[in-house]
Amino acid sequence: MSMSLRQVVWPQEPGMDSHSRKISVQEIMRDIQARLSDTHLMAKYDLSQEQLRILFRKLLDCGALSPFDFQAWAIFCNKNVPLKHIRLFRREIVCFSLPVFNANDPEDRGYVVDISENGIGVRGIKAGANDIKTLVIPTEQYLGLPPLVFQARCVWSFEQADPNRRCGFYLIDASAKIWLELRKYVRKRAKAASQDT
């Protein structure tokens, strides 16, 4: 395990009990690696399907569970819990104004709200599920590198009629170097912002 986290703390979230409780990361990880099924995990830890889904999301976000181990468990051990929309890679929240626009329609523009190893969340871009867009992030303003032009497929979209609509895009093709440098820059800005507060 890459960090000292020992317990997953349940805050109050929709569909969860009103009281906070804790689950041992080491224990749940042993059970996942032992290939306990979804029904066994739900019974042992007294979880609903939604609570088990949230638990996996928390384990992935904190780095206790790798995307590879999660996918292996989901293929062989999961029968009932809807897991296909769980984000596999940790996302970095963008804490500054990072514009993005559609290369084929410069008026179709918005802002990046988070970035991960294989995708971004944006606000303002017009897209429906499975739409493929060529997007541009003006990284020359931040990194001194050429603009990041990349292809991405929309994997989810909310509030299509709202100018503040949210979309999630899965990366199809981009410069690996610029993408990595942008993620590092976002992480650096987030760290600096947290130290200022």
Protein backbone atom coordinates (compact mmCIF):
# COMPACT_ATOMS: atom_id res chain seq x y z
CA MET A 1 0.00 0.00 0.00
CA SER A 2 1.44 3.35 -1.05
CA MET A 3 0.20 5.36 1.90
CA SER A 4 -0.37 5.08 5.64
CA LEU A 5 -4.17 5.10 5.35
CA ARG A 6 -5.58 2.40 7.61
CA GLN A 7 -9.31 3.02 7.53
CA VAL A 8 -11.95 4.20 5.11
CA VAL A 9 -14.13 6.69 6.93
CA TRP A 10 -17.73 6.92 5.80
CA PRO A 11 -18.90 10.55 5.77
CA GLN A 12 -22.56 11.25 5.40
CA GLU A 13 -23.32 10.56 1.75
CA PRO A 14 -26.59 9.89 -0.09
CA GLY A 15 -27.76 6.35 0.57
CA MET A 16 -25.51 5.84 3.57
CA ASP A 17 -26.25 5.47 7.28
CA SER A 18 -26.54 8.69 9.27
CA HIS A 19 -23.67 7.74 11.58
CA SER A 20 -20.01 7.62 10.56
CA ARG A 21 -18.28 4.26 10.61
CA LYS A 22 -14.92 2.88 9.62
CA ILE A 23 -13.71 -0.09 7.60
CA SER A 24 -10.15 -1.39 7.82
CA VAL A 25 -8.36 -0.89 4.51
CA GLN A 26 -6.03 -3.81 5.23
CA GLU A 27 -8.94 -6.13 5.95
CA ILE A 28 -11.04 -5.16 2.92
CA MET A 29 -7.95 -5.39 0.68
CA ARG A 30 -7.24 -8.92 1.96
CA ASP A 31 -10.81 -9.87 1.11
CA ILE A 32 -10.62 -8.33 -2.37
CA GLN A 33 -7.32 -10.09 -3.08
CA ALA A 34 -8.84 -13.34 -1.77
CA ARG A 35 -11.56 -12.83 -4.41
CA LEU A 36 -14.54 -12.59 -2.09
CA SER A 37 -17.62 -12.00 -4.22
CA ASP A 38 -19.74 -8.87 -4.16
CA THR A 39 -22.44 -10.62 -2.11
CA HIS A 40 -19.85 -11.83 0.43
CA LEU A 41 -18.36 -8.33 0.80
CA MET A 42 -21.78 -6.73 1.21
CA ALA A 43 -22.78 -9.28 3.86
CA LYS A 44 -19.49 -9.13 5.78
CA TYR A 45 -19.34 -5.32 5.93
CA ASP A 46 -23.10 -4.73 6.01
CA LEU A 47 -23.07 -2.69 2.79
CA SER A 48 -25.66 -2.00 0.11
CA GLN A 49 -24.73 -2.19 -3.58
CA GLU A 50 -24.30 1.60 -3.67
CA GLN A 51 -22.16 1.58 -0.52
CA LEU A 52 -19.89 -1.11 -2.00
CA ARG A 53 -19.53 0.96 -5.17
CA ILE A 54 -18.58 4.01 -3.05
CA LEU A 55 -16.10 1.88 -1.10
CA PHE A 56 -14.32 0.83 -4.30
CA ARG A 57 -14.22 4.43 -5.47
CA LYS A 58 -12.61 5.50 -2.17
CA LEU A 59 -10.02 2.68 -2.33
CA LEU A 60 -9.08 3.65 -5.89
CA ASP A 61 -8.92 7.37 -5.06
CA CYS A 62 -6.60 6.86 -2.08
CA GLY A 63 -4.31 4.49 -4.01
CA ALA A 64 -4.92 1.46 -1.77
CA LEU A 65 -6.49 -0.44 -4.70
CA SER A 66 -4.85 -0.45 -8.13
CA PRO A 67 -6.95 -0.21 -11.32
CA PHE A 68 -5.54 -3.61 -12.38
CA ASP A 69 -6.64 -5.34 -9.16
CA PHE A 70 -10.03 -3.65 -9.28
CA GLN A 71 -10.67 -4.76 -12.86
CA ALA A 72 -9.56 -8.32 -12.07
CA TRP A 73 -11.94 -8.46 -9.10
CA ALA A 74 -14.80 -6.95 -11.15
CA ILE A 75 -14.37 -9.52 -13.94
CA PHE A 76 -14.23 -12.62 -11.75
CA CYS A 77 -16.08 -11.75 -8.53
CA ASN A 78 -18.77 -9.16 -9.24
CA LYS A 79 -22.25 -10.26 -10.27
CA ASN A 80 -24.65 -7.55 -9.11
CA VAL A 81 -22.98 -4.21 -8.38
CA PRO A 82 -22.95 -1.64 -11.24
CA LEU A 83 -19.28 -0.67 -11.45
CA LYS A 84 -18.76 0.44 -15.05
CA HIS A 85 -18.78 4.18 -14.27
CA ILE A 86 -16.23 4.02 -11.44
CA ARG A 87 -13.23 6.19 -12.22
CA LEU A 88 -10.16 3.93 -12.33
CA PHE A 89 -7.49 6.59 -12.17
CA ARG A 90 -7.07 9.21 -9.50
CA ARG A 91 -8.20 12.63 -10.60
CA GLU A 92 -6.52 15.95 -9.88
CA ILE A 93 -8.99 18.75 -9.17
CA VAL A 94 -8.17 21.90 -11.20
CA CYS A 95 -8.20 24.78 -8.71
CA PHE A 96 -7.65 27.55 -11.27
CA SER A 97 -9.30 28.67 -14.50
CA LEU A 98 -8.05 26.26 -17.21
CA PRO A 99 -9.89 26.87 -20.51
CA VAL A 100 -10.69 24.18 -23.07
CA PHE A 101 -12.43 24.54 -26.43
CA ASN A 102 -13.65 22.47 -29.36
CA ALA A 103 -11.09 22.67 -32.19
CA ASN A 104 -13.89 22.46 -34.77
CA ASP A 105 -16.07 25.10 -33.09
CA PRO A 106 -14.07 27.69 -31.10
CA GLU A 107 -17.32 29.13 -29.70
CA ASP A 108 -17.92 25.79 -27.98
CA ARG A 109 -15.72 26.34 -24.96
CA GLY A 110 -15.54 25.67 -21.27
CA TYR A 111 -13.19 24.90 -18.38
CA VAL A 112 -11.35 21.81 -17.17
CA VAL A 113 -12.52 20.87 -13.68
CA ASP A 114 -10.41 17.73 -13.15
CA ILE A 115 -7.78 15.69 -14.95
CA SER A 116 -6.59 12.09 -14.58
CA GLU A 117 -4.21 9.73 -16.32
CA ASN A 118 -6.75 8.95 -19.01
CA GLY A 119 -9.31 11.72 -19.13
CA ILE A 120 -10.75 15.05 -18.04
CA GLY A 121 -13.93 16.47 -16.59
CA VAL A 122 -15.06 19.72 -18.18
CA ARG A 123 -17.76 22.32 -17.66
CA GLY A 124 -19.40 24.13 -20.59
CA ILE A 125 -18.52 21.97 -23.62
CA LYS A 126 -21.48 20.63 -25.62
CA ALA A 127 -21.26 16.84 -25.83
CA GLY A 128 -23.40 13.73 -25.52
CA ALA A 129 -22.35 10.23 -24.54
CA ASN A 130 -19.98 8.65 -27.10
CA ASP A 131 -19.39 11.91 -29.01
CA ILE A 132 -15.77 12.18 -30.13
CA LYS A 133 -14.32 15.69 -29.96
CA THR A 134 -11.01 17.29 -30.83
CA LEU A 135 -10.32 19.52 -27.85
CA VAL A 136 -7.67 22.17 -27.24
CA ILE A 137 -6.15 23.34 -23.95
CA PRO A 138 -3.90 26.44 -24.32
CA THR A 139 -0.98 24.95 -22.40
CA GLU A 140 1.41 27.52 -23.88
CA GLN A 141 -0.04 30.03 -21.39
CA TYR A 142 0.87 27.83 -18.42
CA LEU A 143 3.72 25.53 -19.45
CA GLY A 144 5.42 27.31 -22.33
CA LEU A 145 4.62 24.25 -24.45
CA PRO A 146 2.54 24.04 -27.66
CA PRO A 147 -1.23 23.94 -27.16
CA LEU A 148 -2.47 20.51 -26.13
CA VAL A 149 -4.66 19.29 -28.99
CA PHE A 150 -6.23 15.91 -28.32
CA GLN A 151 -9.07 13.60 -29.27
CA ALA A 152 -11.42 12.42 -26.55
CA ARG A 153 -14.69 10.49 -26.30
CA CYS A 154 -17.48 11.75 -24.05
CA VAL A 155 -18.28 9.00 -21.54
CA TRP A 156 -20.87 10.91 -19.51
CA SER A 157 -22.77 14.16 -19.78
CA PHE A 158 -25.20 16.03 -17.52
CA GLU A 159 -27.49 19.02 -18.06
CA GLN A 160 -27.22 19.25 -21.84
CA ALA A 161 -29.33 22.44 -22.01
CA ASP A 162 -27.37 24.21 -19.27
CA PRO A 163 -24.38 26.46 -20.16
CA ASN A 164 -22.69 25.01 -17.05
CA ARG A 165 -23.19 21.44 -18.29
CA ARG A 166 -20.66 18.89 -17.06
CA CYS A 167 -19.05 16.23 -19.27
CA GLY A 168 -16.42 13.57 -18.76
CA PHE A 169 -14.05 12.73 -21.61
CA TYR A 170 -11.90 9.63 -22.07
CA LEU A 171 -8.57 10.32 -23.76
CA ILE A 172 -8.13 8.75 -27.22
CA ASP A 173 -5.03 10.49 -28.51
CA ALA A 174 -2.77 13.22 -27.10
CA SER A 175 0.85 14.16 -26.66
CA ALA A 176 1.93 12.02 -23.69
CA LYS A 177 4.60 14.56 -22.74
CA ILE A 178 2.27 17.58 -22.64
CA TRP A 179 -0.48 15.60 -20.89
CA LEU A 180 1.98 14.52 -18.18
CA GLU A 181 3.36 18.05 -17.76
CA LEU A 182 -0.17 19.45 -17.50
CA ARG A 183 -1.09 16.95 -14.78
CA LYS A 184 2.09 17.85 -12.87
CA TYR A 185 1.26 21.55 -13.19
CA VAL A 186 -2.32 21.03 -11.95
CA ARG A 187 -1.03 19.01 -8.99
CA LYS A 188 1.56 21.71 -8.18
CA ARG A 189 -1.05 24.48 -8.28
CA ALA A 190 -3.41 22.44 -6.08
CA LYS A 191 -0.65 21.83 -3.54
CA ALA A 192 0.28 25.52 -3.46
CA ALA A 193 -3.39 26.47 -3.02
CA SER A 194 -3.82 24.05 -0.10
CA GLN A 195 -0.75 25.51 1.63
CA ASP A 196 -2.11 29.05 1.28
CA THR A 197 -5.35 28.16 3.06
